[in-house]
PDB file of N, CA and C in Angstrom:
ATOM      1  N   UNK A   1     -13.157 -10.149  -2.075  1.00  0.00           N
ATOM      2  CA  UNK A   1     -14.328  -9.273  -1.497  1.00  0.00           C
ATOM      3  C   UNK A   1     -13.803  -7.266  -2.285  1.00  0.00           C
ATOM      4  N   UNK A   2     -14.717  -6.786  -3.069  1.00  0.00           N
ATOM      5  CA  UNK A   2     -14.608  -6.015  -3.832  1.00  0.00           C
ATOM      6  C   UNK A   2     -15.711  -4.869  -2.788  1.00  0.00           C
ATOM      7  N   UNK A   3     -14.932  -3.395  -2.539  1.00  0.00           N
ATOM      8  CA  UNK A   3     -15.438  -2.771  -1.988  1.00  0.00           C
ATOM      9  C   UNK A   3     -16.302  -1.645  -3.054  1.00  0.00           C
ATOM     10  N   UNK A   4     -17.489  -1.486  -2.957  1.00  0.00           N
ATOM     11  CA  UNK A   4     -18.148  -0.218  -3.626  1.00  0.00           C
ATOM     12  C   UNK A   4     -18.583   0.578  -2.828  1.00  0.00           C
ATOM     13  N   UNK A   5     -18.500   2.243  -3.310  1.00  0.00           N
ATOM     14  CA  UNK A   5     -18.856   3.359  -2.594  1.00  0.00           C
ATOM     15  C   UNK A   5     -19.740   4.032  -3.439  1.00  0.00           C
ATOM     16  N   UNK A   6     -20.381   4.786  -3.009  1.00  0.00           N
ATOM     17  CA  UNK A   6     -21.300   5.310  -3.488  1.00  0.00           C
ATOM     18  C   UNK A   6     -20.692   7.108  -4.013  1.00  0.00           C
ATOM     19  N   UNK A   7     -19.776   7.230  -3.434  1.00  0.00           N
ATOM     20  CA  UNK A   7     -19.236   7.890  -3.896  1.00  0.00           C
ATOM     21  C   UNK A   7     -17.860   8.279  -4.963  1.00  0.00           C
ATOM     22  N   UNK A   8     -17.725   7.066  -5.472  1.00  0.00           N
ATOM     23  CA  UNK A   8     -16.417   6.570  -5.822  1.00  0.00           C
ATOM     24  C   UNK A   8     -16.596   7.031  -7.359  1.00  0.00           C
ATOM     25  N   UNK A   9     -15.251   7.429  -7.780  1.00  0.00           N
ATOM     26  CA  UNK A   9     -14.915   8.614  -8.852  1.00  0.00           C
ATOM     27  C   UNK A   9     -13.088   8.460  -9.749  1.00  0.00           C
ATOM     28  N   UNK A  10     -13.644   8.305 -10.374  1.00  0.00           N
ATOM     29  CA  UNK A  10     -12.720   7.960 -11.892  1.00  0.00           C
ATOM     30  C   UNK A  10     -11.554   8.903 -11.014  1.00  0.00           C
ATOM     31  N   UNK A  11     -10.435   8.442 -11.085  1.00  0.00           N
ATOM     32  CA  UNK A  11      -9.228   8.849 -10.307  1.00  0.00           C
ATOM     33  C   UNK A  11      -8.371   9.936 -11.170  1.00  0.00           C
ATOM     34  N   UNK A  12      -8.005  11.212 -10.456  1.00  0.00           N
ATOM     35  CA  UNK A  12      -7.209  11.673 -11.475  1.00  0.00           C
ATOM     36  C   UNK A  12      -5.739  11.240 -11.630  1.00  0.00           C
ATOM     37  N   UNK A  13      -5.273  11.913 -12.439  1.00  0.00           N
ATOM     38  CA  UNK A  13      -3.707  11.560 -12.861  1.00  0.00           C
ATOM     39  C   UNK A  13      -3.195  11.465 -11.843  1.00  0.00           C
ATOM     40  N   UNK A  14      -3.373  11.991 -10.597  1.00  0.00           N
ATOM     41  CA  UNK A  14      -2.076  12.927  -9.349  1.00  0.00           C
ATOM     42  C   UNK A  14      -2.566  11.597  -8.594  1.00  0.00           C
ATOM     43  N   UNK A  15      -3.961  10.989  -8.591  1.00  0.00           N
ATOM     44  CA  UNK A  15      -4.269  10.112  -7.398  1.00  0.00           C
ATOM     45  C   UNK A  15      -3.251   9.144  -7.709  1.00  0.00           C
ATOM     46  N   UNK A  16      -3.413   8.474  -9.546  1.00  0.00           N
ATOM     47  CA  UNK A  16      -3.207   7.459  -9.816  1.00  0.00           C
ATOM     48  C   UNK A  16      -1.461   7.582  -9.969  1.00  0.00           C
ATOM     49  N   UNK A  17      -0.930   8.775 -10.149  1.00  0.00           N
ATOM     50  CA  UNK A  17       0.679   8.673 -10.000  1.00  0.00           C
ATOM     51  C   UNK A  17       1.043   8.381  -8.011  1.00  0.00           C
ATOM     52  N   UNK A  18       0.300   8.915  -7.094  1.00  0.00           N
ATOM     53  CA  UNK A  18      -0.188   8.466  -5.999  1.00  0.00           C
ATOM     54  C   UNK A  18       0.282   6.965  -5.495  1.00  0.00           C
ATOM     55  N   UNK A  19      -0.981   6.520  -6.033  1.00  0.00           N
ATOM     56  CA  UNK A  19      -0.660   5.222  -5.707  1.00  0.00           C
ATOM     57  C   UNK A  19       0.023   3.857  -6.504  1.00  0.00           C
ATOM     58  N   UNK A  20       0.391   4.633  -7.624  1.00  0.00           N
ATOM     59  CA  UNK A  20       1.372   4.313  -8.185  1.00  0.00           C
ATOM     60  C   UNK A  20       2.869   4.188  -7.335  1.00  0.00           C
ATOM     61  N   UNK A  21       2.986   5.150  -6.651  1.00  0.00           N
ATOM     62  CA  UNK A  21       4.464   5.396  -6.015  1.00  0.00           C
ATOM     63  C   UNK A  21       4.171   4.620  -4.547  1.00  0.00           C
ATOM     64  N   UNK A  22       3.451   4.523  -3.860  1.00  0.00           N
ATOM     65  CA  UNK A  22       2.453   3.450  -2.936  1.00  0.00           C
ATOM     66  C   UNK A  22       2.895   1.964  -3.372  1.00  0.00           C
ATOM     67  N   UNK A  23       2.752   1.921  -4.453  1.00  0.00           N
ATOM     68  CA  UNK A  23       2.483   0.403  -4.945  1.00  0.00           C
ATOM     69  C   UNK A  23       4.486   0.152  -4.769  1.00  0.00           C
ATOM     70  N   UNK A  24       4.890   0.711  -5.509  1.00  0.00           N
ATOM     71  CA  UNK A  24       6.312   0.555  -5.613  1.00  0.00           C
ATOM     72  C   UNK A  24       7.152   0.841  -4.765  1.00  0.00           C
ATOM     73  N   UNK A  25       6.581   1.765  -3.615  1.00  0.00           N
ATOM     74  CA  UNK A  25       7.143   1.443  -2.188  1.00  0.00           C
ATOM     75  C   UNK A  25       6.652   0.186  -1.348  1.00  0.00           C
ATOM     76  N   UNK A  26       5.772  -0.355  -1.726  1.00  0.00           N
ATOM     77  CA  UNK A  26       5.253  -1.396  -0.507  1.00  0.00           C
ATOM     78  C   UNK A  26       6.119  -2.674  -1.874  1.00  0.00           C
ATOM     79  N   UNK A  27       6.059  -2.599  -2.777  1.00  0.00           N
ATOM     80  CA  UNK A  27       6.707  -3.710  -3.319  1.00  0.00           C
ATOM     81  C   UNK A  27       8.446  -3.420  -2.841  1.00  0.00           C
ATOM     82  N   UNK A  28       8.712  -2.331  -2.712  1.00  0.00           N
ATOM     83  CA  UNK A  28      10.779  -2.397  -2.452  1.00  0.00           C
ATOM     84  C   UNK A  28      10.558  -3.004  -0.860  1.00  0.00           C
ATOM     85  N   UNK A  29       9.431  -2.435   0.161  1.00  0.00           N
ATOM     86  CA  UNK A  29       9.485  -2.684   1.214  1.00  0.00           C
ATOM     87  C   UNK A  29       9.602  -4.628   1.395  1.00  0.00           C
ATOM     88  N   UNK A  30       8.332  -5.287   0.784  1.00  0.00           N
ATOM     89  CA  UNK A  30       8.468  -6.099   0.569  1.00  0.00           C
ATOM     90  C   UNK A  30       9.451  -7.583  -0.282  1.00  0.00           C
ATOM     91  N   UNK A  31      10.402  -6.763  -0.711  1.00  0.00           N
ATOM     92  CA  UNK A  31      11.200  -6.972  -1.879  1.00  0.00           C
ATOM     93  C   UNK A  31      11.864  -8.720  -1.355  1.00  0.00           C
ATOM     94  N   UNK A  32      12.417  -8.289   0.276  1.00  0.00           N
ATOM     95  CA  UNK A  32      12.964  -9.719   0.827  1.00  0.00           C
ATOM     96  C   UNK A  32      11.917 -10.395   1.650  1.00  0.00           C
ATOM     97  N   UNK A  33      11.258 -10.125   0.884  1.00  0.00           N
ATOM     98  CA  UNK A  33       9.703 -11.234   2.059  1.00  0.00           C
ATOM     99  C   UNK A  33       9.675 -10.480   3.604  1.00  0.00           C
ATOM    100  N   UNK A  34      10.524  -9.751   3.749  1.00  0.00           N
ATOM    101  CA  UNK A  34      10.492  -9.409   5.294  1.00  0.00           C
ATOM    102  C   UNK A  34       9.758  -7.730   5.343  1.00  0.00           C
ATOM    103  N   UNK A  35       9.138  -7.103   6.202  1.00  0.00           N
ATOM    104  CA  UNK A  35       9.355  -5.852   6.718  1.00  0.00           C
ATOM    105  C   UNK A  35       9.735  -4.793   7.362  1.00  0.00           C
ATOM    106  N   UNK A  36      10.318  -4.409   7.845  1.00  0.00           N
ATOM    107  CA  UNK A  36      11.057  -3.504   9.119  1.00  0.00           C
ATOM    108  C   UNK A  36       9.932  -2.096   9.257  1.00  0.00           C
ATOM    109  N   UNK A  37      10.545  -1.896  10.185  1.00  0.00           N
ATOM    110  CA  UNK A  37       9.728  -1.090  11.480  1.00  0.00           C
ATOM    111  C   UNK A  37       9.563   0.382  10.431  1.00  0.00           C
ATOM    112  N   UNK A  38      11.019   0.512   9.970  1.00  0.00           N
ATOM    113  CA  UNK A  38      10.981   1.911   8.851  1.00  0.00           C
ATOM    114  C   UNK A  38      10.429   1.606   7.759  1.00  0.00           C
ATOM    115  N   UNK A  39      10.225   0.542   7.128  1.00  0.00           N
ATOM    116  CA  UNK A  39       9.420   0.433   6.061  1.00  0.00           C
ATOM    117  C   UNK A  39       7.975   0.925   6.114  1.00  0.00           C
ATOM    118  N   UNK A  40       7.754   0.180   7.343  1.00  0.00           N
ATOM    119  CA  UNK A  40       6.567   0.670   7.594  1.00  0.00           C
ATOM    120  C   UNK A  40       5.691   1.390   7.831  1.00  0.00           C
ATOM    121  N   UNK A  41       6.592   2.578   8.797  1.00  0.00           N
ATOM    122  CA  UNK A  41       6.546   4.047   9.020  1.00  0.00           C
ATOM    123  C   UNK A  41       6.427   4.644   7.437  1.00  0.00           C
ATOM    124  N   UNK A  42       7.624   4.531   6.707  1.00  0.00           N
ATOM    125  CA  UNK A  42       7.450   5.197   5.147  1.00  0.00           C
ATOM    126  C   UNK A  42       6.212   5.108   4.520  1.00  0.00           C
ATOM    127  N   UNK A  43       5.758   3.927   4.447  1.00  0.00           N
ATOM    128  CA  UNK A  43       4.133   4.038   3.848  1.00  0.00           C
ATOM    129  C   UNK A  43       3.154   4.063   4.779  1.00  0.00           C
ATOM    130  N   UNK A  44       3.476   4.654   6.173  1.00  0.00           N
ATOM    131  CA  UNK A  44       2.313   5.193   6.344  1.00  0.00           C
ATOM    132  C   UNK A  44       2.688   6.501   6.207  1.00  0.00           C
ATOM    133  N   UNK A  45       3.705   6.841   6.388  1.00  0.00           N
ATOM    134  CA  UNK A  45       3.965   8.182   6.075  1.00  0.00           C
ATOM    135  C   UNK A  45       3.083   9.171   4.950  1.00  0.00           C
ATOM    136  N   UNK A  46       3.435   7.796   3.609  1.00  0.00           N
ATOM    137  CA  UNK A  46       2.639   8.629   2.588  1.00  0.00           C
ATOM    138  C   UNK A  46       1.463   8.026   2.165  1.00  0.00           C
ATOM    139  N   UNK A  47       1.237   7.766   3.020  1.00  0.00           N
ATOM    140  CA  UNK A  47      -0.881   7.279   2.977  1.00  0.00           C
ATOM    141  C   UNK A  47      -1.152   8.288   3.795  1.00  0.00           C
ATOM    142  N   UNK A  48      -0.390   9.069   4.958  1.00  0.00           N
ATOM    143  CA  UNK A  48      -1.397   9.739   6.115  1.00  0.00           C
ATOM    144  C   UNK A  48      -0.733  11.160   5.356  1.00  0.00           C
ATOM    145  N   UNK A  49       0.296  11.570   4.314  1.00  0.00           N
ATOM    146  CA  UNK A  49       0.605  12.855   3.556  1.00  0.00           C
ATOM    147  C   UNK A  49      -0.308  14.000   3.348  1.00  0.00           C
ATOM    148  N   UNK A  50      -1.906  13.377   3.181  1.00  0.00           N
ATOM    149  CA  UNK A  50      -2.651  14.143   2.876  1.00  0.00           C
ATOM    150  C   UNK A  50      -3.757  14.197   4.206  1.00  0.00           C
ATOM    151  N   UNK A  51      -3.504  13.848   5.250  1.00  0.00           N
ATOM    152  CA  UNK A  51      -3.994  13.501   6.251  1.00  0.00           C
ATOM    153  C   UNK A  51      -5.670  12.825   6.140  1.00  0.00           C
ATOM    154  N   UNK A  52      -5.328  11.896   5.109  1.00  0.00           N
ATOM    155  CA  UNK A  52      -6.459  11.111   5.054  1.00  0.00           C
ATOM    156  C   UNK A  52      -6.078   9.256   4.105  1.00  0.00           C
ATOM    157  N   UNK A  53      -7.256   8.520   4.656  1.00  0.00           N
ATOM    158  CA  UNK A  53      -6.168   7.372   3.937  1.00  0.00           C
ATOM    159  C   UNK A  53      -7.832   7.133   3.269  1.00  0.00           C
ATOM    160  N   UNK A  54      -7.313   6.713   2.005  1.00  0.00           N
ATOM    161  CA  UNK A  54      -8.383   6.496   1.271  1.00  0.00           C
ATOM    162  C   UNK A  54      -8.459   4.480   1.069  1.00  0.00           C
ATOM    163  N   UNK A  55      -9.685   4.315   0.516  1.00  0.00           N
ATOM    164  CA  UNK A  55     -10.213   2.538   0.117  1.00  0.00           C
ATOM    165  C   UNK A  55      -9.543   2.251  -1.139  1.00  0.00           C
ATOM    166  N   UNK A  56      -8.720   3.336  -2.054  1.00  0.00           N
ATOM    167  CA  UNK A  56      -7.722   3.139  -2.835  1.00  0.00           C
ATOM    168  C   UNK A  56      -6.324   2.893  -2.351  1.00  0.00           C
ATOM    169  N   UNK A  57      -6.330   3.285  -1.253  1.00  0.00           N
ATOM    170  CA  UNK A  57      -4.703   3.375  -0.788  1.00  0.00           C
ATOM    171  C   UNK A  57      -4.608   2.287  -0.263  1.00  0.00           C
ATOM    172  N   UNK A  58      -5.707   1.507   0.418  1.00  0.00           N
ATOM    173  CA  UNK A  58      -5.630   0.345   1.389  1.00  0.00           C
ATOM    174  C   UNK A  58      -6.055  -0.461   0.186  1.00  0.00           C
ATOM    175  N   UNK A  59      -6.761  -0.613  -1.151  1.00  0.00           N
ATOM    176  CA  UNK A  59      -6.432  -1.434  -2.093  1.00  0.00           C
ATOM    177  C   UNK A  59      -5.556  -2.262  -2.835  1.00  0.00           C
ATOM    178  N   UNK A  60      -4.678  -0.439  -2.435  1.00  0.00           N
ATOM    179  CA  UNK A  60      -3.338  -0.628  -3.373  1.00  0.00           C
ATOM    180  C   UNK A  60      -2.262  -1.905  -2.649  1.00  0.00           C
ATOM    181  N   UNK A  61      -2.382  -1.512  -1.055  1.00  0.00           N
ATOM    182  CA  UNK A  61      -1.614  -1.918  -0.223  1.00  0.00           C
ATOM    183  C   UNK A  61      -1.712  -3.801  -0.236  1.00  0.00           C
ATOM    184  N   UNK A  62      -2.779  -3.764  -0.022  1.00  0.00           N
ATOM    185  CA  UNK A  62      -3.436  -5.191  -0.132  1.00  0.00           C
ATOM    186  C   UNK A  62      -3.073  -5.946  -1.395  1.00  0.00           C
ATOM    187  N   UNK A  63      -3.459  -5.609  -2.544  1.00  0.00           N
ATOM    188  CA  UNK A  63      -3.326  -6.001  -3.533  1.00  0.00           C
ATOM    189  C   UNK A  63      -1.792  -6.103  -3.835  1.00  0.00           C
ATOM    190  N   UNK A  64      -0.976  -5.409  -3.588  1.00  0.00           N
ATOM    191  CA  UNK A  64       0.324  -5.467  -3.693  1.00  0.00           C
ATOM    192  C   UNK A  64       1.035  -6.682  -2.939  1.00  0.00           C
ATOM    193  N   UNK A  65       0.407  -6.633  -1.322  1.00  0.00           N
ATOM    194  CA  UNK A  65       0.945  -7.676  -0.641  1.00  0.00           C
ATOM    195  C   UNK A  65       0.244  -8.964  -1.146  1.00  0.00           C
ATOM    196  N   UNK A  66      -0.285  -9.075  -1.470  1.00  0.00           N
ATOM    197  CA  UNK A  66      -1.073 -10.682  -2.015  1.00  0.00           C
ATOM    198  C   UNK A  66      -0.364 -11.295  -3.446  1.00  0.00           C
ATOM    199  N   UNK A  67       0.235 -10.091  -4.595  1.00  0.00           N
ATOM    200  CA  UNK A  67       0.975 -10.076  -5.163  1.00  0.00           C
ATOM    201  C   UNK A  67       2.405 -10.759  -4.967  1.00  0.00           C
ATOM    202  N   UNK A  68       3.059  -9.902  -4.365  1.00  0.00           N
ATOM    203  CA  UNK A  68       3.864 -10.700  -3.531  1.00  0.00           C
ATOM    204  C   UNK A  68       4.468 -11.576  -2.826  1.00  0.00           C
ATOM    205  N   UNK A  69       3.143 -12.175  -1.689  1.00  0.00           N
ATOM    206  CA  UNK A  69       4.084 -12.954  -1.112  1.00  0.00           C
ATOM    207  C   UNK A  69       2.887 -13.965  -1.153  1.00  0.00           C
ATOM    208  N   UNK A  70       1.626 -13.868  -2.098  1.00  0.00           N
ATOM    209  CA  UNK A  70       0.961 -14.749  -2.218  1.00  0.00           C
ATOM    210  C   UNK A  70       0.237 -15.549  -1.235  1.00  0.00           C
ATOM    211  N   UNK A  71       0.163 -16.688  -0.614  1.00  0.00           N
ATOM    212  CA  UNK A  71      -0.365 -17.143   0.772  1.00  0.00           C
ATOM    213  C   UNK A  71       1.044 -16.799   1.622  1.00  0.00           C
ATOM    214  N   UNK A  72       2.113 -16.956   1.184  1.00  0.00           N
ATOM    215  CA  UNK A  72       3.266 -16.833   2.564  1.00  0.00           C
ATOM    216  C   UNK A  72       2.993 -15.753   3.394  1.00  0.00           C
ATOM    217  N   UNK A  73       3.663 -16.292   4.907  1.00  0.00           N
ATOM    218  CA  UNK A  73       3.274 -15.506   6.196  1.00  0.00           C
ATOM    219  C   UNK A  73       4.653 -14.422   5.720  1.00  0.00           C
ATOM    220  N   UNK A  74       4.012 -12.845   6.218  1.00  0.00           N
ATOM    221  CA  UNK A  74       5.173 -11.905   6.083  1.00  0.00           C
ATOM    222  C   UNK A  74       5.750 -11.961   7.402  1.00  0.00           C
ATOM    223  N   UNK A  75       6.547 -11.876   7.358  1.00  0.00           N
ATOM    224  CA  UNK A  75       7.453 -11.909   8.438  1.00  0.00           C
ATOM    225  C   UNK A  75       8.371 -10.226   8.188  1.00  0.00           C
ATOM    226  N   UNK A  76       8.672 -10.285  10.053  1.00  0.00           N
ATOM    227  CA  UNK A  76       8.616  -8.635  10.340  1.00  0.00           C
ATOM    228  C   UNK A  76      10.455  -8.864  10.634  1.00  0.00           C
ATOM    229  N   UNK A  77      10.946  -8.046  10.225  1.00  0.00           N
ATOM    230  CA  UNK A  77      12.260  -7.689  10.844  1.00  0.00           C
ATOM    231  C   UNK A  77      12.257  -6.035  11.765  1.00  0.00           C
ATOM    232  N   UNK A  78      12.216  -6.694  13.044  1.00  0.00           N
ATOM    233  CA  UNK A  78      12.434  -5.428  13.927  1.00  0.00           C
ATOM    234  C   UNK A  78      13.993  -5.026  14.206  1.00  0.00           C
ATOM    235  N   UNK A  79      14.658  -6.080  13.804  1.00  0.00           N
ATOM    236  CA  UNK A  79      15.947  -5.532  14.269  1.00  0.00           C
ATOM    237  C   UNK A  79      16.688  -4.723  13.919  1.00  0.00           C
TER     238      UNK A  79
END
């Protein structure tokens, strides 16, 4: 499903760098196939750093998870 927004714009180099950092953080968090509460908190802090969550950030998280996990279920490591 692709989401189109009427206010879509070309991403600035700063926005592209932010999304690359987010992608790397999610990849690191999912490297072992599990996600910890600390890893989730780190992702939340990064996407909320500017006090807003953009569709591009959500799409980056979603596509990175899909590429890392495929159809496997995400495991949570709260211990």
